[in-house]
Full PDB file with SEQRES, HELIX, SHEET, SSBOND, CRYST1, ORIGX, SCALE, CONECT and MASTER records, all heavy atoms in Angstrom:
SEQRES   1 A   34  ALA GLY GLY SER LEU ARG LEU SER CYS ALA VAL SER GLY          
SEQRES   2 A   34  ARG THR PHE THR SER TYR ASN MET GLY TRP PHE ARG GLN          
SEQRES   3 A   34  ALA PRO GLY LYS GLU HIS GLU PHE                              
HELIX    1 AA1 PHE A   16  SER A   18  5                                   3    
SHEET    1 AA1 2 ARG A  25  GLN A  26  0                                        
SHEET    2 AA1 2 HIS A  32  GLU A  33 -1                                        
CRYST1    1.000    1.000    1.000  90.00  90.00  90.00 P 1           1          
ORIGX1      1.000000  0.000000  0.000000        0.00000                         
ORIGX2      0.000000  1.000000  0.000000        0.00000                         
ORIGX3      0.000000  0.000000  1.000000        0.00000                         
SCALE1      1.000000  0.000000  0.000000        0.00000                         
SCALE2      0.000000  1.000000  0.000000        0.00000                         
SCALE3      0.000000  0.000000  1.000000        0.00000                         
ATOM      1  N   ALA A   1      -9.881   2.129 -18.877  1.00  0.00           N  
ATOM      2  CA  ALA A   1     -11.239   2.047 -18.364  1.00  0.00           C  
ATOM      3  C   ALA A   1     -11.839   0.681 -18.683  1.00  0.00           C  
ATOM      4  O   ALA A   1     -11.691   0.166 -19.793  1.00  0.00           O  
ATOM      5  CB  ALA A   1     -12.094   3.159 -18.951  1.00  0.00           C  
ATOM      6  N   GLY A   2     -12.513   0.116 -17.696  1.00  0.00           N  
ATOM      7  CA  GLY A   2     -13.080  -1.209 -17.839  1.00  0.00           C  
ATOM      8  C   GLY A   2     -12.175  -2.323 -17.364  1.00  0.00           C  
ATOM      9  O   GLY A   2     -12.629  -3.468 -17.225  1.00  0.00           O  
ATOM     10  N   GLY A   3     -10.934  -2.007 -17.107  1.00  0.00           N  
ATOM     11  CA  GLY A   3      -9.977  -2.994 -16.655  1.00  0.00           C  
ATOM     12  C   GLY A   3     -10.029  -3.223 -15.163  1.00  0.00           C  
ATOM     13  O   GLY A   3     -10.891  -2.695 -14.459  1.00  0.00           O  
ATOM     14  N   SER A   4      -9.069  -4.004 -14.682  1.00  0.00           N  
ATOM     15  CA  SER A   4      -9.034  -4.397 -13.279  1.00  0.00           C  
ATOM     16  C   SER A   4      -7.656  -4.200 -12.683  1.00  0.00           C  
ATOM     17  O   SER A   4      -6.640  -4.244 -13.380  1.00  0.00           O  
ATOM     18  CB  SER A   4      -9.439  -5.866 -13.121  1.00  0.00           C  
ATOM     19  OG  SER A   4     -10.751  -6.104 -13.581  1.00  0.00           O  
ATOM     20  N   LEU A   5      -7.637  -3.999 -11.383  1.00  0.00           N  
ATOM     21  CA  LEU A   5      -6.417  -3.959 -10.603  1.00  0.00           C  
ATOM     22  C   LEU A   5      -6.670  -4.636  -9.269  1.00  0.00           C  
ATOM     23  O   LEU A   5      -7.801  -4.631  -8.773  1.00  0.00           O  
ATOM     24  CB  LEU A   5      -5.939  -2.531 -10.352  1.00  0.00           C  
ATOM     25  CG  LEU A   5      -5.095  -1.846 -11.419  1.00  0.00           C  
ATOM     26  CD1 LEU A   5      -4.791  -0.419 -10.983  1.00  0.00           C  
ATOM     27  CD2 LEU A   5      -3.803  -2.607 -11.669  1.00  0.00           C  
ATOM     28  N   ARG A   6      -5.614  -5.185  -8.703  1.00  0.00           N  
ATOM     29  CA  ARG A   6      -5.693  -5.842  -7.413  1.00  0.00           C  
ATOM     30  C   ARG A   6      -4.680  -5.193  -6.477  1.00  0.00           C  
ATOM     31  O   ARG A   6      -3.471  -5.340  -6.668  1.00  0.00           O  
ATOM     32  CB  ARG A   6      -5.412  -7.332  -7.559  1.00  0.00           C  
ATOM     33  CG  ARG A   6      -5.701  -8.167  -6.319  1.00  0.00           C  
ATOM     34  CD  ARG A   6      -5.408  -9.636  -6.596  1.00  0.00           C  
ATOM     35  NE  ARG A   6      -5.824 -10.512  -5.522  1.00  0.00           N  
ATOM     36  CZ  ARG A   6      -7.016 -11.073  -5.427  1.00  0.00           C  
ATOM     37  NH1 ARG A   6      -7.933 -10.840  -6.359  1.00  0.00           N  
ATOM     38  NH2 ARG A   6      -7.315 -11.867  -4.411  1.00  0.00           N  
ATOM     39  N   LEU A   7      -5.181  -4.487  -5.496  1.00  0.00           N  
ATOM     40  CA  LEU A   7      -4.331  -3.834  -4.521  1.00  0.00           C  
ATOM     41  C   LEU A   7      -4.165  -4.714  -3.292  1.00  0.00           C  
ATOM     42  O   LEU A   7      -5.101  -5.389  -2.877  1.00  0.00           O  
ATOM     43  CB  LEU A   7      -4.918  -2.488  -4.100  1.00  0.00           C  
ATOM     44  CG  LEU A   7      -5.225  -1.479  -5.209  1.00  0.00           C  
ATOM     45  CD1 LEU A   7      -5.719  -0.172  -4.595  1.00  0.00           C  
ATOM     46  CD2 LEU A   7      -4.010  -1.244  -6.084  1.00  0.00           C  
ATOM     47  N   SER A   8      -2.983  -4.679  -2.731  1.00  0.00           N  
ATOM     48  CA  SER A   8      -2.710  -5.424  -1.517  1.00  0.00           C  
ATOM     49  C   SER A   8      -2.206  -4.479  -0.436  1.00  0.00           C  
ATOM     50  O   SER A   8      -1.546  -3.485  -0.725  1.00  0.00           O  
ATOM     51  CB  SER A   8      -1.670  -6.521  -1.763  1.00  0.00           C  
ATOM     52  OG  SER A   8      -2.152  -7.501  -2.653  1.00  0.00           O  
ATOM     53  N   CYS A   9      -2.516  -4.810   0.789  1.00  0.00           N  
ATOM     54  CA  CYS A   9      -2.036  -4.071   1.946  1.00  0.00           C  
ATOM     55  C   CYS A   9      -1.379  -5.055   2.887  1.00  0.00           C  
ATOM     56  O   CYS A   9      -2.066  -5.902   3.481  1.00  0.00           O  
ATOM     57  CB  CYS A   9      -3.185  -3.338   2.633  1.00  0.00           C  
ATOM     58  SG  CYS A   9      -2.706  -2.454   4.130  1.00  0.00           S  
ATOM     59  N   ALA A  10      -0.072  -4.965   3.002  1.00  0.00           N  
ATOM     60  CA  ALA A  10       0.666  -5.821   3.914  1.00  0.00           C  
ATOM     61  C   ALA A  10       0.617  -5.225   5.309  1.00  0.00           C  
ATOM     62  O   ALA A  10       0.934  -4.054   5.498  1.00  0.00           O  
ATOM     63  CB  ALA A  10       2.106  -5.979   3.450  1.00  0.00           C  
ATOM     64  N   VAL A  11       0.219  -6.038   6.265  1.00  0.00           N  
ATOM     65  CA  VAL A  11       0.023  -5.585   7.632  1.00  0.00           C  
ATOM     66  C   VAL A  11       0.994  -6.291   8.555  1.00  0.00           C  
ATOM     67  O   VAL A  11       1.103  -7.515   8.526  1.00  0.00           O  
ATOM     68  CB  VAL A  11      -1.414  -5.841   8.105  1.00  0.00           C  
ATOM     69  CG1 VAL A  11      -1.627  -5.268   9.502  1.00  0.00           C  
ATOM     70  CG2 VAL A  11      -2.415  -5.261   7.128  1.00  0.00           C  
ATOM     71  N   SER A  12       1.684  -5.540   9.366  1.00  0.00           N  
ATOM     72  CA  SER A  12       2.551  -6.108  10.380  1.00  0.00           C  
ATOM     73  C   SER A  12       2.112  -5.611  11.751  1.00  0.00           C  
ATOM     74  O   SER A  12       1.600  -4.496  11.886  1.00  0.00           O  
ATOM     75  CB  SER A  12       4.019  -5.759  10.123  1.00  0.00           C  
ATOM     76  OG  SER A  12       4.226  -4.356  10.138  1.00  0.00           O  
ATOM     77  N   GLY A  13       2.304  -6.459  12.744  1.00  0.00           N  
ATOM     78  CA  GLY A  13       1.864  -6.135  14.082  1.00  0.00           C  
ATOM     79  C   GLY A  13       1.065  -7.277  14.670  1.00  0.00           C  
ATOM     80  O   GLY A  13       0.304  -7.941  13.941  1.00  0.00           O  
ATOM     81  N   ARG A  14       1.196  -7.484  15.945  1.00  0.00           N  
ATOM     82  CA  ARG A  14       0.590  -8.649  16.584  1.00  0.00           C  
ATOM     83  C   ARG A  14      -0.920  -8.550  16.744  1.00  0.00           C  
ATOM     84  O   ARG A  14      -1.562  -9.560  17.049  1.00  0.00           O  
ATOM     85  CB  ARG A  14       1.239  -8.874  17.949  1.00  0.00           C  
ATOM     86  CG  ARG A  14       1.015  -7.761  18.954  1.00  0.00           C  
ATOM     87  CD  ARG A  14       1.747  -8.050  20.249  1.00  0.00           C  
ATOM     88  NE  ARG A  14       1.523  -7.025  21.247  1.00  0.00           N  
ATOM     89  CZ  ARG A  14       0.514  -7.014  22.103  1.00  0.00           C  
ATOM     90  NH1 ARG A  14      -0.389  -7.992  22.062  1.00  0.00           N  
ATOM     91  NH2 ARG A  14       0.399  -6.042  22.982  1.00  0.00           N  
ATOM     92  N   THR A  15      -1.496  -7.363  16.545  1.00  0.00           N  
ATOM     93  CA  THR A  15      -2.932  -7.166  16.729  1.00  0.00           C  
ATOM     94  C   THR A  15      -3.684  -7.051  15.411  1.00  0.00           C  
ATOM     95  O   THR A  15      -4.778  -6.489  15.365  1.00  0.00           O  
ATOM     96  CB  THR A  15      -3.204  -5.912  17.572  1.00  0.00           C  
ATOM     97  OG1 THR A  15      -2.682  -4.755  16.909  1.00  0.00           O  
ATOM     98  CG2 THR A  15      -2.572  -6.046  18.944  1.00  0.00           C  
ATOM     99  N   PHE A  16      -3.122  -7.596  14.346  1.00  0.00           N  
ATOM    100  CA  PHE A  16      -3.733  -7.495  13.032  1.00  0.00           C  
ATOM    101  C   PHE A  16      -5.190  -7.949  13.024  1.00  0.00           C  
ATOM    102  O   PHE A  16      -6.056  -7.264  12.463  1.00  0.00           O  
ATOM    103  CB  PHE A  16      -2.927  -8.314  12.017  1.00  0.00           C  
ATOM    104  CG  PHE A  16      -3.631  -8.509  10.707  1.00  0.00           C  
ATOM    105  CD1 PHE A  16      -3.796  -7.448   9.832  1.00  0.00           C  
ATOM    106  CD2 PHE A  16      -4.127  -9.750  10.341  1.00  0.00           C  
ATOM    107  CE1 PHE A  16      -4.442  -7.616   8.617  1.00  0.00           C  
ATOM    108  CE2 PHE A  16      -4.767  -9.931   9.129  1.00  0.00           C  
ATOM    109  CZ  PHE A  16      -4.927  -8.870   8.267  1.00  0.00           C  
ATOM    110  N   THR A  17      -5.493  -9.084  13.624  1.00  0.00           N  
ATOM    111  CA  THR A  17      -6.844  -9.636  13.575  1.00  0.00           C  
ATOM    112  C   THR A  17      -7.833  -8.879  14.447  1.00  0.00           C  
ATOM    113  O   THR A  17      -9.039  -9.134  14.373  1.00  0.00           O  
ATOM    114  CB  THR A  17      -6.837 -11.113  13.983  1.00  0.00           C  
ATOM    115  OG1 THR A  17      -6.263 -11.260  15.285  1.00  0.00           O  
ATOM    116  CG2 THR A  17      -6.048 -11.943  12.981  1.00  0.00           C  
ATOM    117  N   SER A  18      -7.360  -7.952  15.250  1.00  0.00           N  
ATOM    118  CA  SER A  18      -8.244  -7.175  16.104  1.00  0.00           C  
ATOM    119  C   SER A  18      -8.754  -5.908  15.426  1.00  0.00           C  
ATOM    120  O   SER A  18      -9.666  -5.270  15.939  1.00  0.00           O  
ATOM    121  CB  SER A  18      -7.532  -6.800  17.402  1.00  0.00           C  
ATOM    122  OG  SER A  18      -7.174  -7.954  18.144  1.00  0.00           O  
ATOM    123  N   TYR A  19      -8.185  -5.554  14.289  1.00  0.00           N  
ATOM    124  CA  TYR A  19      -8.514  -4.303  13.619  1.00  0.00           C  
ATOM    125  C   TYR A  19      -9.449  -4.517  12.441  1.00  0.00           C  
ATOM    126  O   TYR A  19      -9.381  -5.527  11.738  1.00  0.00           O  
ATOM    127  CB  TYR A  19      -7.248  -3.602  13.132  1.00  0.00           C  
ATOM    128  CG  TYR A  19      -6.485  -2.911  14.234  1.00  0.00           C  
ATOM    129  CD1 TYR A  19      -5.544  -3.594  14.984  1.00  0.00           C  
ATOM    130  CD2 TYR A  19      -6.722  -1.573  14.518  1.00  0.00           C  
ATOM    131  CE1 TYR A  19      -4.854  -2.965  15.998  1.00  0.00           C  
ATOM    132  CE2 TYR A  19      -6.036  -0.932  15.527  1.00  0.00           C  
ATOM    133  CZ  TYR A  19      -5.102  -1.629  16.265  1.00  0.00           C  
ATOM    134  OH  TYR A  19      -4.415  -1.002  17.274  1.00  0.00           O  
ATOM    135  N   ASN A  20     -10.308  -3.540  12.247  1.00  0.00           N  
ATOM    136  CA  ASN A  20     -11.106  -3.447  11.035  1.00  0.00           C  
ATOM    137  C   ASN A  20     -10.276  -2.703   9.989  1.00  0.00           C  
ATOM    138  O   ASN A  20      -9.706  -1.649  10.277  1.00  0.00           O  
ATOM    139  CB  ASN A  20     -12.406  -2.704  11.316  1.00  0.00           C  
ATOM    140  CG  ASN A  20     -13.126  -3.278  12.517  1.00  0.00           C  
ATOM    141  OD1 ASN A  20     -13.306  -4.487  12.627  1.00  0.00           O  
ATOM    142  ND2 ASN A  20     -13.552  -2.416  13.428  1.00  0.00           N  
ATOM    143  N   MET A  21     -10.213  -3.256   8.794  1.00  0.00           N  
ATOM    144  CA  MET A  21      -9.324  -2.719   7.765  1.00  0.00           C  
ATOM    145  C   MET A  21     -10.115  -2.040   6.665  1.00  0.00           C  
ATOM    146  O   MET A  21     -11.019  -2.636   6.077  1.00  0.00           O  
ATOM    147  CB  MET A  21      -8.465  -3.837   7.177  1.00  0.00           C  
ATOM    148  CG  MET A  21      -7.615  -4.568   8.207  1.00  0.00           C  
ATOM    149  SD  MET A  21      -6.441  -3.463   9.052  1.00  0.00           S  
ATOM    150  CE  MET A  21      -5.502  -2.841   7.654  1.00  0.00           C  
ATOM    151  N   GLY A  22      -9.743  -0.802   6.381  1.00  0.00           N  
ATOM    152  CA  GLY A  22     -10.439  -0.027   5.377  1.00  0.00           C  
ATOM    153  C   GLY A  22      -9.526   0.480   4.282  1.00  0.00           C  
ATOM    154  O   GLY A  22      -8.300   0.440   4.393  1.00  0.00           O  
ATOM    155  N   TRP A  23     -10.158   0.928   3.219  1.00  0.00           N  
ATOM    156  CA  TRP A  23      -9.467   1.592   2.117  1.00  0.00           C  
ATOM    157  C   TRP A  23     -10.073   2.977   1.904  1.00  0.00           C  
ATOM    158  O   TRP A  23     -11.297   3.136   1.907  1.00  0.00           O  
ATOM    159  CB  TRP A  23      -9.576   0.799   0.813  1.00  0.00           C  
ATOM    160  CG  TRP A  23      -8.738  -0.441   0.772  1.00  0.00           C  
ATOM    161  CD1 TRP A  23      -9.101  -1.694   1.164  1.00  0.00           C  
ATOM    162  CD2 TRP A  23      -7.397  -0.546   0.282  1.00  0.00           C  
ATOM    163  NE1 TRP A  23      -8.069  -2.573   0.960  1.00  0.00           N  
ATOM    164  CE2 TRP A  23      -7.012  -1.899   0.419  1.00  0.00           C  
ATOM    165  CE3 TRP A  23      -6.489   0.365  -0.253  1.00  0.00           C  
ATOM    166  CZ2 TRP A  23      -5.748  -2.368   0.033  1.00  0.00           C  
ATOM    167  CZ3 TRP A  23      -5.233  -0.097  -0.632  1.00  0.00           C  
ATOM    168  CH2 TRP A  23      -4.873  -1.441  -0.487  1.00  0.00           C  
ATOM    169  N   PHE A  24      -9.205   3.950   1.718  1.00  0.00           N  
ATOM    170  CA  PHE A  24      -9.582   5.295   1.320  1.00  0.00           C  
ATOM    171  C   PHE A  24      -8.853   5.641   0.039  1.00  0.00           C  
ATOM    172  O   PHE A  24      -7.877   4.978  -0.341  1.00  0.00           O  
ATOM    173  CB  PHE A  24      -9.220   6.310   2.412  1.00  0.00           C  
ATOM    174  CG  PHE A  24     -10.086   6.245   3.627  1.00  0.00           C  
ATOM    175  CD1 PHE A  24      -9.892   5.266   4.585  1.00  0.00           C  
ATOM    176  CD2 PHE A  24     -11.095   7.176   3.826  1.00  0.00           C  
ATOM    177  CE1 PHE A  24     -10.690   5.209   5.710  1.00  0.00           C  
ATOM    178  CE2 PHE A  24     -11.898   7.133   4.950  1.00  0.00           C  
ATOM    179  CZ  PHE A  24     -11.692   6.146   5.889  1.00  0.00           C  
ATOM    180  N   ARG A  25      -9.312   6.688  -0.618  1.00  0.00           N  
ATOM    181  CA  ARG A  25      -8.615   7.154  -1.806  1.00  0.00           C  
ATOM    182  C   ARG A  25      -8.673   8.672  -1.872  1.00  0.00           C  
ATOM    183  O   ARG A  25      -9.580   9.296  -1.345  1.00  0.00           O  
ATOM    184  CB  ARG A  25      -9.203   6.546  -3.084  1.00  0.00           C  
ATOM    185  CG  ARG A  25     -10.638   6.953  -3.384  1.00  0.00           C  
ATOM    186  CD  ARG A  25     -11.176   6.166  -4.567  1.00  0.00           C  
ATOM    187  NE  ARG A  25     -12.514   6.568  -4.939  1.00  0.00           N  
ATOM    188  CZ  ARG A  25     -13.240   5.999  -5.887  1.00  0.00           C  
ATOM    189  NH1 ARG A  25     -12.728   4.983  -6.586  1.00  0.00           N  
ATOM    190  NH2 ARG A  25     -14.461   6.434  -6.167  1.00  0.00           N  
ATOM    191  N   GLN A  26      -7.683   9.240  -2.538  1.00  0.00           N  
ATOM    192  CA  GLN A  26      -7.614  10.677  -2.709  1.00  0.00           C  
ATOM    193  C   GLN A  26      -7.315  10.981  -4.172  1.00  0.00           C  
ATOM    194  O   GLN A  26      -6.209  10.717  -4.652  1.00  0.00           O  
ATOM    195  CB  GLN A  26      -6.551  11.302  -1.807  1.00  0.00           C  
ATOM    196  CG  GLN A  26      -6.531  12.821  -1.868  1.00  0.00           C  
ATOM    197  CD  GLN A  26      -5.534  13.433  -0.919  1.00  0.00           C  
ATOM    198  OE1 GLN A  26      -4.469  12.863  -0.682  1.00  0.00           O  
ATOM    199  NE2 GLN A  26      -5.870  14.581  -0.370  1.00  0.00           N  
ATOM    200  N   ALA A  27      -8.299  11.521  -4.863  1.00  0.00           N  
ATOM    201  CA  ALA A  27      -8.138  11.915  -6.251  1.00  0.00           C  
ATOM    202  C   ALA A  27      -7.435  13.267  -6.315  1.00  0.00           C  
ATOM    203  O   ALA A  27      -7.443  14.028  -5.341  1.00  0.00           O  
ATOM    204  CB  ALA A  27      -9.500  11.981  -6.936  1.00  0.00           C  
ATOM    205  N   PRO A  28      -6.842  13.588  -7.458  1.00  0.00           N  
ATOM    206  CA  PRO A  28      -6.147  14.871  -7.587  1.00  0.00           C  
ATOM    207  C   PRO A  28      -7.053  16.047  -7.249  1.00  0.00           C  
ATOM    208  O   PRO A  28      -8.149  16.181  -7.798  1.00  0.00           O  
ATOM    209  CB  PRO A  28      -5.732  14.897  -9.062  1.00  0.00           C  
ATOM    210  CG  PRO A  28      -5.615  13.459  -9.435  1.00  0.00           C  
ATOM    211  CD  PRO A  28      -6.710  12.769  -8.674  1.00  0.00           C  
ATOM    212  N   GLY A  29      -6.605  16.892  -6.333  1.00  0.00           N  
ATOM    213  CA  GLY A  29      -7.351  18.074  -5.959  1.00  0.00           C  
ATOM    214  C   GLY A  29      -8.567  17.828  -5.096  1.00  0.00           C  
ATOM    215  O   GLY A  29      -9.333  18.763  -4.851  1.00  0.00           O  
ATOM    216  N   LYS A  30      -8.759  16.605  -4.621  1.00  0.00           N  
ATOM    217  CA  LYS A  30      -9.933  16.286  -3.826  1.00  0.00           C  
ATOM    218  C   LYS A  30      -9.549  15.761  -2.444  1.00  0.00           C  
ATOM    219  O   LYS A  30      -8.397  15.419  -2.185  1.00  0.00           O  
ATOM    220  CB  LYS A  30     -10.806  15.253  -4.549  1.00  0.00           C  
ATOM    221  CG  LYS A  30     -11.376  15.742  -5.875  1.00  0.00           C  
ATOM    222  CD  LYS A  30     -12.319  14.725  -6.472  1.00  0.00           C  
ATOM    223  CE  LYS A  30     -12.929  15.235  -7.766  1.00  0.00           C  
ATOM    224  NZ  LYS A  30     -13.868  14.246  -8.348  1.00  0.00           N  
ATOM    225  N   GLU A  31     -10.540  15.705  -1.576  1.00  0.00           N  
ATOM    226  CA  GLU A  31     -10.339  15.203  -0.230  1.00  0.00           C  
ATOM    227  C   GLU A  31     -10.316  13.683  -0.220  1.00  0.00           C  
ATOM    228  O   GLU A  31     -10.717  13.020  -1.176  1.00  0.00           O  
ATOM    229  CB  GLU A  31     -11.449  15.715   0.694  1.00  0.00           C  
ATOM    230  CG  GLU A  31     -11.520  17.226   0.803  1.00  0.00           C  
ATOM    231  CD  GLU A  31     -12.666  17.687   1.667  1.00  0.00           C  
ATOM    232  OE1 GLU A  31     -13.498  16.844   2.064  1.00  0.00           O  
ATOM    233  OE2 GLU A  31     -12.745  18.893   1.944  1.00  0.00           O  
ATOM    234  N   HIS A  32      -9.823  13.133   0.896  1.00  0.00           N  
ATOM    235  CA  HIS A  32      -9.856  11.692   1.062  1.00  0.00           C  
ATOM    236  C   HIS A  32     -11.295  11.185   1.043  1.00  0.00           C  
ATOM    237  O   HIS A  32     -12.180  11.780   1.659  1.00  0.00           O  
ATOM    238  CB  HIS A  32      -9.198  11.300   2.383  1.00  0.00           C  
ATOM    239  CG  HIS A  32      -7.709  11.387   2.365  1.00  0.00           C  
ATOM    240  ND1 HIS A  32      -7.033  12.587   2.434  1.00  0.00           N  
ATOM    241  CD2 HIS A  32      -6.758  10.415   2.290  1.00  0.00           C  
ATOM    242  CE1 HIS A  32      -5.736  12.356   2.403  1.00  0.00           C  
ATOM    243  NE2 HIS A  32      -5.546  11.051   2.315  1.00  0.00           N  
ATOM    244  N   GLU A  33     -11.503  10.087   0.343  1.00  0.00           N  
ATOM    245  CA  GLU A  33     -12.822   9.496   0.184  1.00  0.00           C  
ATOM    246  C   GLU A  33     -12.820   8.063   0.696  1.00  0.00           C  
ATOM    247  O   GLU A  33     -11.947   7.271   0.337  1.00  0.00           O  
ATOM    248  CB  GLU A  33     -13.247   9.523  -1.291  1.00  0.00           C  
ATOM    249  CG  GLU A  33     -14.573   8.833  -1.577  1.00  0.00           C  
ATOM    250  CD  GLU A  33     -14.848   8.677  -3.060  1.00  0.00           C  
ATOM    251  OE1 GLU A  33     -13.902   8.825  -3.867  1.00  0.00           O  
ATOM    252  OE2 GLU A  33     -16.007   8.417  -3.425  1.00  0.00           O  
ATOM    253  N   PHE A  34     -13.800   7.740   1.509  1.00  0.00           N  
ATOM    254  CA  PHE A  34     -13.946   6.369   1.988  1.00  0.00           C  
ATOM    255  C   PHE A  34     -14.330   5.449   0.841  1.00  0.00           C  
ATOM    256  O   PHE A  34     -15.176   5.794   0.010  1.00  0.00           O  
ATOM    257  CB  PHE A  34     -15.015   6.308   3.082  1.00  0.00           C  
ATOM    258  CG  PHE A  34     -15.405   4.914   3.470  1.00  0.00           C  
ATOM    259  CD1 PHE A  34     -14.588   4.148   4.284  1.00  0.00           C  
ATOM    260  CD2 PHE A  34     -16.591   4.363   3.021  1.00  0.00           C  
ATOM    261  CE1 PHE A  34     -14.941   2.862   4.649  1.00  0.00           C  
ATOM    262  CE2 PHE A  34     -16.957   3.084   3.379  1.00  0.00           C  
ATOM    263  CZ  PHE A  34     -16.126   2.336   4.192  1.00  0.00           C  
TER     264      PHE A  34                                                      
MASTER        0    0    0    1    2    0    0    6  263    1    0    3          
END                                                                             
């Protein structure tokens, strides 16, 4: 707790710059969260 992490998402495909990119997360026993 209090620390940091850096997540990366590698994207392939010719339309990469046309998309809006989001992150979601799913905690144990819970629904996906924006």
